[in-house]
């Protein structure tokens, strides 16, 4: 029995090690307005995985806040589909806002921002855009500046497949009674869950 356990452990360890060391691309997107970050990884063998991470703090009277991090693994087929859609929509060729005259000219006051990290082989890119939301969260407002519209389209691709609002709502419903908070820009947002 002990030999079987050791053999199983070695097989699982080797599989995880070999898969994780051969990352072709990694996309990580942190969204505005909610403490949600989604990560997609595509491996050189063609497989993919993804997870949605939500970070909150539980406010406990007269004590230090308790950090809560919840991760939901995405179906590998769905992760692969979204990676392909993001790639086809131009995520890997995104410019930074300060590299686009129209985007750079736009100003925002202490708002939240959408953050994108891209890793392809040995290339790492970090891009931030002030106050860009998926279309489902904008009451019909479509970004007018081409670069910002492209980023909004990327966020919308993810939101259509995963429904970020529903995922957040389901998470809050699953927590015990309490007060849960997160930061959005310079504002602290708190939700009392009963």
C-alpha atoms as a PDB file:
ATOM      1  CA  UNK A   1       0.000   0.000   0.000  1.00  0.00           C
ATOM      2  CA  UNK A   2       2.817   2.382   0.903  1.00  0.00           C
ATOM      3  CA  UNK A   3       4.531   1.701  -2.461  1.00  0.00           C
ATOM      4  CA  UNK A   4       1.311   2.498  -4.339  1.00  0.00           C
ATOM      5  CA  UNK A   5       0.933   5.782  -2.432  1.00  0.00           C
ATOM      6  CA  UNK A   6       4.542   6.792  -3.202  1.00  0.00           C
ATOM      7  CA  UNK A   7       4.151   5.838  -6.877  1.00  0.00           C
ATOM      8  CA  UNK A   8       0.902   7.818  -7.138  1.00  0.00           C
ATOM      9  CA  UNK A   9       2.547  10.836  -5.443  1.00  0.00           C
ATOM     10  CA  UNK A  10       5.505  10.742  -7.858  1.00  0.00           C
ATOM     11  CA  UNK A  11       3.231  10.512 -10.905  1.00  0.00           C
ATOM     12  CA  UNK A  12       1.115  13.465  -9.741  1.00  0.00           C
ATOM     13  CA  UNK A  13       4.198  15.513  -8.813  1.00  0.00           C
ATOM     14  CA  UNK A  14       5.839  14.847 -12.183  1.00  0.00           C
ATOM     15  CA  UNK A  15       2.664  15.719 -14.069  1.00  0.00           C
ATOM     16  CA  UNK A  16       2.227  19.013 -12.188  1.00  0.00           C
ATOM     17  CA  UNK A  17       5.894  19.927 -12.452  1.00  0.00           C
ATOM     18  CA  UNK A  18       6.163  19.218 -16.165  1.00  0.00           C
ATOM     19  CA  UNK A  19       2.920  21.009 -16.985  1.00  0.00           C
ATOM     20  CA  UNK A  20       3.669  24.108 -14.896  1.00  0.00           C
ATOM     21  CA  UNK A  21       7.167  24.525 -16.291  1.00  0.00           C
ATOM     22  CA  UNK A  22       5.943  24.718 -19.903  1.00  0.00           C
ATOM     23  CA  UNK A  23       3.680  27.779 -19.829  1.00  0.00           C
ATOM     24  CA  UNK A  24       3.148  29.249 -23.295  1.00  0.00           C
ATOM     25  CA  UNK A  25       1.015  32.188 -22.219  1.00  0.00           C
ATOM     26  CA  UNK A  26      -0.549  33.603 -19.102  1.00  0.00           C
ATOM     27  CA  UNK A  27      -3.206  36.319 -18.949  1.00  0.00           C
ATOM     28  CA  UNK A  28      -4.238  37.874 -15.643  1.00  0.00           C
ATOM     29  CA  UNK A  29      -6.977  40.495 -15.572  1.00  0.00           C
ATOM     30  CA  UNK A  30      -8.079  42.427 -12.455  1.00  0.00           C
ATOM     31  CA  UNK A  31     -11.438  44.084 -12.897  1.00  0.00           C
ATOM     32  CA  UNK A  32     -12.782  47.497 -11.850  1.00  0.00           C
ATOM     33  CA  UNK A  33     -15.444  47.824  -9.234  1.00  0.00           C
ATOM     34  CA  UNK A  34     -15.100  44.333  -7.765  1.00  0.00           C
ATOM     35  CA  UNK A  35     -12.208  42.541  -6.057  1.00  0.00           C
ATOM     36  CA  UNK A  36     -12.038  39.943  -8.826  1.00  0.00           C
ATOM     37  CA  UNK A  37      -8.980  38.745 -10.716  1.00  0.00           C
ATOM     38  CA  UNK A  38      -9.079  36.087 -13.388  1.00  0.00           C
ATOM     39  CA  UNK A  39      -6.087  34.125 -14.600  1.00  0.00           C
ATOM     40  CA  UNK A  40      -5.763  31.987 -17.720  1.00  0.00           C
ATOM     41  CA  UNK A  41      -2.780  29.742 -18.426  1.00  0.00           C
ATOM     42  CA  UNK A  42      -2.071  27.948 -21.680  1.00  0.00           C
ATOM     43  CA  UNK A  43       0.592  25.221 -21.666  1.00  0.00           C
ATOM     44  CA  UNK A  44       2.840  24.214 -24.540  1.00  0.00           C
ATOM     45  CA  UNK A  45       1.035  20.861 -24.783  1.00  0.00           C
ATOM     46  CA  UNK A  46      -2.159  22.748 -25.758  1.00  0.00           C
ATOM     47  CA  UNK A  47      -4.001  22.370 -22.445  1.00  0.00           C
ATOM     48  CA  UNK A  48      -5.325  25.345 -20.535  1.00  0.00           C
ATOM     49  CA  UNK A  49      -6.652  26.248 -17.121  1.00  0.00           C
ATOM     50  CA  UNK A  50      -8.194  29.243 -15.464  1.00  0.00           C
ATOM     51  CA  UNK A  51      -9.355  30.477 -12.116  1.00  0.00           C
ATOM     52  CA  UNK A  52     -11.340  33.381 -10.727  1.00  0.00           C
ATOM     53  CA  UNK A  53      -9.988  34.821  -7.467  1.00  0.00           C
ATOM     54  CA  UNK A  54     -11.987  37.137  -5.220  1.00  0.00           C
ATOM     55  CA  UNK A  55     -10.388  38.932  -2.261  1.00  0.00           C
ATOM     56  CA  UNK A  56     -12.442  40.435   0.558  1.00  0.00           C
ATOM     57  CA  UNK A  57     -11.935  41.309   4.184  1.00  0.00           C
ATOM     58  CA  UNK A  58     -14.410  40.461   6.906  1.00  0.00           C
ATOM     59  CA  UNK A  59     -14.779  43.266   9.398  1.00  0.00           C
ATOM     60  CA  UNK A  60     -14.976  41.859  12.904  1.00  0.00           C
ATOM     61  CA  UNK A  61     -15.812  44.400  15.642  1.00  0.00           C
ATOM     62  CA  UNK A  62     -12.935  45.122  18.023  1.00  0.00           C
ATOM     63  CA  UNK A  63     -10.596  42.782  16.149  1.00  0.00           C
ATOM     64  CA  UNK A  64      -8.342  42.829  13.137  1.00  0.00           C
ATOM     65  CA  UNK A  65     -10.121  42.267   9.812  1.00  0.00           C
ATOM     66  CA  UNK A  66      -9.921  38.727   8.460  1.00  0.00           C
ATOM     67  CA  UNK A  67      -8.759  38.393   4.848  1.00  0.00           C
ATOM     68  CA  UNK A  68     -10.825  36.075   2.661  1.00  0.00           C
ATOM     69  CA  UNK A  69      -9.536  34.756  -0.646  1.00  0.00           C
ATOM     70  CA  UNK A  70     -11.851  32.510  -2.651  1.00  0.00           C
ATOM     71  CA  UNK A  71     -10.735  30.805  -5.842  1.00  0.00           C
ATOM     72  CA  UNK A  72     -12.972  29.087  -8.350  1.00  0.00           C
ATOM     73  CA  UNK A  73     -11.334  26.843 -10.937  1.00  0.00           C
ATOM     74  CA  UNK A  74     -12.760  27.173 -14.421  1.00  0.00           C
ATOM     75  CA  UNK A  75     -13.487  24.291 -16.729  1.00  0.00           C
ATOM     76  CA  UNK A  76     -10.365  23.684 -18.850  1.00  0.00           C
ATOM     77  CA  UNK A  77     -12.358  23.709 -22.100  1.00  0.00           C
ATOM     78  CA  UNK A  78     -13.904  27.057 -21.175  1.00  0.00           C
ATOM     79  CA  UNK A  79     -10.477  28.447 -20.217  1.00  0.00           C
ATOM     80  CA  UNK A  80      -9.053  27.381 -23.602  1.00  0.00           C
ATOM     81  CA  UNK A  81     -12.029  28.936 -25.426  1.00  0.00           C
ATOM     82  CA  UNK A  82     -11.599  32.270 -23.628  1.00  0.00           C
ATOM     83  CA  UNK A  83      -7.827  32.296 -24.220  1.00  0.00           C
ATOM     84  CA  UNK A  84      -8.424  31.836 -27.961  1.00  0.00           C
ATOM     85  CA  UNK A  85     -11.093  34.571 -27.991  1.00  0.00           C
ATOM     86  CA  UNK A  86      -8.833  37.020 -26.089  1.00  0.00           C
ATOM     87  CA  UNK A  87      -5.902  36.268 -28.378  1.00  0.00           C
ATOM     88  CA  UNK A  88      -8.070  36.738 -31.499  1.00  0.00           C
ATOM     89  CA  UNK A  89      -9.401  40.014 -30.065  1.00  0.00           C
ATOM     90  CA  UNK A  90      -5.849  41.352 -29.746  1.00  0.00           C
ATOM     91  CA  UNK A  91      -4.928  41.073 -26.066  1.00  0.00           C
ATOM     92  CA  UNK A  92      -1.296  40.336 -26.930  1.00  0.00           C
ATOM     93  CA  UNK A  93      -0.914  43.473 -29.063  1.00  0.00           C
ATOM     94  CA  UNK A  94      -2.485  45.940 -26.616  1.00  0.00           C
ATOM     95  CA  UNK A  95      -0.736  49.264 -26.247  1.00  0.00           C
ATOM     96  CA  UNK A  96      -0.467  51.096 -22.966  1.00  0.00           C
ATOM     97  CA  UNK A  97      -2.754  54.077 -22.526  1.00  0.00           C
ATOM     98  CA  UNK A  98       0.204  56.490 -22.536  1.00  0.00           C
ATOM     99  CA  UNK A  99       1.219  55.119 -25.964  1.00  0.00           C
ATOM    100  CA  UNK A 100      -2.079  56.309 -27.482  1.00  0.00           C
ATOM    101  CA  UNK A 101      -2.672  60.073 -27.739  1.00  0.00           C
ATOM    102  CA  UNK A 102      -6.486  59.876 -27.405  1.00  0.00           C
ATOM    103  CA  UNK A 103      -6.348  57.524 -24.430  1.00  0.00           C
ATOM    104  CA  UNK A 104      -3.609  59.480 -22.663  1.00  0.00           C
ATOM    105  CA  UNK A 105      -5.565  62.748 -23.021  1.00  0.00           C
ATOM    106  CA  UNK A 106      -8.465  61.313 -21.020  1.00  0.00           C
ATOM    107  CA  UNK A 107      -8.335  62.072 -17.291  1.00  0.00           C
ATOM    108  CA  UNK A 108      -9.967  60.335 -14.332  1.00  0.00           C
ATOM    109  CA  UNK A 109     -10.178  61.305 -10.686  1.00  0.00           C
ATOM    110  CA  UNK A 110      -9.092  58.645  -8.212  1.00  0.00           C
ATOM    111  CA  UNK A 111     -11.099  55.917  -9.884  1.00  0.00           C
ATOM    112  CA  UNK A 112     -10.581  52.213 -10.101  1.00  0.00           C
ATOM    113  CA  UNK A 113      -8.648  50.635 -12.924  1.00  0.00           C
ATOM    114  CA  UNK A 114      -8.598  47.461 -14.972  1.00  0.00           C
ATOM    115  CA  UNK A 115      -5.200  45.789 -14.885  1.00  0.00           C
ATOM    116  CA  UNK A 116      -3.871  43.287 -17.434  1.00  0.00           C
ATOM    117  CA  UNK A 117      -0.740  41.180 -17.028  1.00  0.00           C
ATOM    118  CA  UNK A 118       0.438  39.234 -20.062  1.00  0.00           C
ATOM    119  CA  UNK A 119       3.248  36.688 -20.070  1.00  0.00           C
ATOM    120  CA  UNK A 120       4.211  35.003 -23.320  1.00  0.00           C
ATOM    121  CA  UNK A 121       7.363  32.884 -23.135  1.00  0.00           C
ATOM    122  CA  UNK A 122       9.913  35.375 -21.732  1.00  0.00           C
ATOM    123  CA  UNK A 123       7.909  38.535 -22.441  1.00  0.00           C
ATOM    124  CA  UNK A 124       6.070  40.201 -19.550  1.00  0.00           C
ATOM    125  CA  UNK A 125       3.698  43.120 -20.060  1.00  0.00           C
ATOM    126  CA  UNK A 126       1.649  45.052 -17.471  1.00  0.00           C
ATOM    127  CA  UNK A 127      -1.060  47.457 -18.645  1.00  0.00           C
ATOM    128  CA  UNK A 128      -3.606  49.510 -16.684  1.00  0.00           C
ATOM    129  CA  UNK A 129      -6.681  51.406 -17.846  1.00  0.00           C
ATOM    130  CA  UNK A 130      -8.762  53.713 -15.656  1.00  0.00           C
ATOM    131  CA  UNK A 131     -12.408  52.849 -15.152  1.00  0.00           C
ATOM    132  CA  UNK A 132     -13.087  50.335 -17.926  1.00  0.00           C
ATOM    133  CA  UNK A 133     -15.910  47.888 -17.248  1.00  0.00           C
ATOM    134  CA  UNK A 134     -17.504  45.023 -19.207  1.00  0.00           C
ATOM    135  CA  UNK A 135     -20.506  46.153 -21.240  1.00  0.00           C
ATOM    136  CA  UNK A 136     -22.955  44.433 -18.855  1.00  0.00           C
ATOM    137  CA  UNK A 137     -21.859  46.812 -16.083  1.00  0.00           C
ATOM    138  CA  UNK A 138     -22.008  50.132 -17.987  1.00  0.00           C
ATOM    139  CA  UNK A 139     -25.750  50.677 -18.605  1.00  0.00           C
ATOM    140  CA  UNK A 140     -25.132  50.668 -22.355  1.00  0.00           C
ATOM    141  CA  UNK A 141     -22.091  52.978 -22.344  1.00  0.00           C
ATOM    142  CA  UNK A 142     -19.595  51.890 -24.981  1.00  0.00           C
ATOM    143  CA  UNK A 143     -16.069  53.307 -24.818  1.00  0.00           C
ATOM    144  CA  UNK A 144     -15.512  55.837 -27.639  1.00  0.00           C
ATOM    145  CA  UNK A 145     -11.712  55.801 -27.794  1.00  0.00           C
ATOM    146  CA  UNK A 146     -10.517  52.896 -29.944  1.00  0.00           C
ATOM    147  CA  UNK A 147      -7.919  51.536 -27.517  1.00  0.00           C
ATOM    148  CA  UNK A 148     -10.287  51.768 -24.540  1.00  0.00           C
ATOM    149  CA  UNK A 149     -13.044  50.114 -26.630  1.00  0.00           C
ATOM    150  CA  UNK A 150     -10.679  47.227 -27.394  1.00  0.00           C
ATOM    151  CA  UNK A 151      -9.995  46.745 -23.671  1.00  0.00           C
ATOM    152  CA  UNK A 152     -13.719  46.934 -22.897  1.00  0.00           C
ATOM    153  CA  UNK A 153     -14.320  44.249 -25.542  1.00  0.00           C
ATOM    154  CA  UNK A 154     -11.724  42.006 -23.895  1.00  0.00           C
ATOM    155  CA  UNK A 155     -13.388  42.435 -20.484  1.00  0.00           C
ATOM    156  CA  UNK A 156     -16.771  41.720 -22.079  1.00  0.00           C
ATOM    157  CA  UNK A 157     -15.519  38.466 -23.647  1.00  0.00           C
ATOM    158  CA  UNK A 158     -14.650  37.199 -20.171  1.00  0.00           C
ATOM    159  CA  UNK A 159     -17.821  38.529 -18.544  1.00  0.00           C
ATOM    160  CA  UNK A 160     -20.110  36.922 -21.149  1.00  0.00           C
ATOM    161  CA  UNK A 161     -18.606  33.505 -20.461  1.00  0.00           C
ATOM    162  CA  UNK A 162     -18.238  33.744 -16.679  1.00  0.00           C
ATOM    163  CA  UNK A 163     -20.823  36.370 -15.542  1.00  0.00           C
ATOM    164  CA  UNK A 164     -18.667  38.219 -13.028  1.00  0.00           C
ATOM    165  CA  UNK A 165     -21.632  39.836 -11.241  1.00  0.00           C
ATOM    166  CA  UNK A 166     -23.288  36.452 -10.651  1.00  0.00           C
ATOM    167  CA  UNK A 167     -20.022  34.903  -9.456  1.00  0.00           C
ATOM    168  CA  UNK A 168     -19.576  37.749  -6.955  1.00  0.00           C
ATOM    169  CA  UNK A 169     -23.192  37.560  -5.782  1.00  0.00           C
ATOM    170  CA  UNK A 170     -22.974  33.774  -5.330  1.00  0.00           C
ATOM    171  CA  UNK A 171     -19.786  34.177  -3.308  1.00  0.00           C
ATOM    172  CA  UNK A 172     -21.356  36.749  -0.964  1.00  0.00           C
ATOM    173  CA  UNK A 173     -24.412  34.487  -0.489  1.00  0.00           C
ATOM    174  CA  UNK A 174     -22.131  31.574   0.429  1.00  0.00           C
ATOM    175  CA  UNK A 175     -20.437  33.479   3.269  1.00  0.00           C
ATOM    176  CA  UNK A 176     -21.639  33.459   6.860  1.00  0.00           C
ATOM    177  CA  UNK A 177     -23.400  36.507   8.282  1.00  0.00           C
ATOM    178  CA  UNK A 178     -21.101  39.481   8.549  1.00  0.00           C
ATOM    179  CA  UNK A 179     -19.735  42.629   7.004  1.00  0.00           C
ATOM    180  CA  UNK A 180     -17.424  42.128   4.006  1.00  0.00           C
ATOM    181  CA  UNK A 181     -15.360  44.879   2.412  1.00  0.00           C
ATOM    182  CA  UNK A 182     -13.058  45.583  -0.517  1.00  0.00           C
ATOM    183  CA  UNK A 183     -11.415  48.613  -2.117  1.00  0.00           C
ATOM    184  CA  UNK A 184     -12.514  50.114  -5.427  1.00  0.00           C
ATOM    185  CA  UNK A 185     -10.281  53.019  -6.364  1.00  0.00           C
ATOM    186  CA  UNK A 186     -10.132  55.205  -3.259  1.00  0.00           C
ATOM    187  CA  UNK A 187     -13.492  53.972  -1.964  1.00  0.00           C
ATOM    188  CA  UNK A 188     -13.992  51.202   0.533  1.00  0.00           C
ATOM    189  CA  UNK A 189     -17.085  49.202  -0.354  1.00  0.00           C
ATOM    190  CA  UNK A 190     -18.744  47.175   2.426  1.00  0.00           C
ATOM    191  CA  UNK A 191     -21.571  44.676   2.144  1.00  0.00           C
ATOM    192  CA  UNK A 192     -23.623  43.535   5.129  1.00  0.00           C
ATOM    193  CA  UNK A 193     -24.571  39.929   4.539  1.00  0.00           C
ATOM    194  CA  UNK A 194     -27.483  38.693   6.661  1.00  0.00           C
END
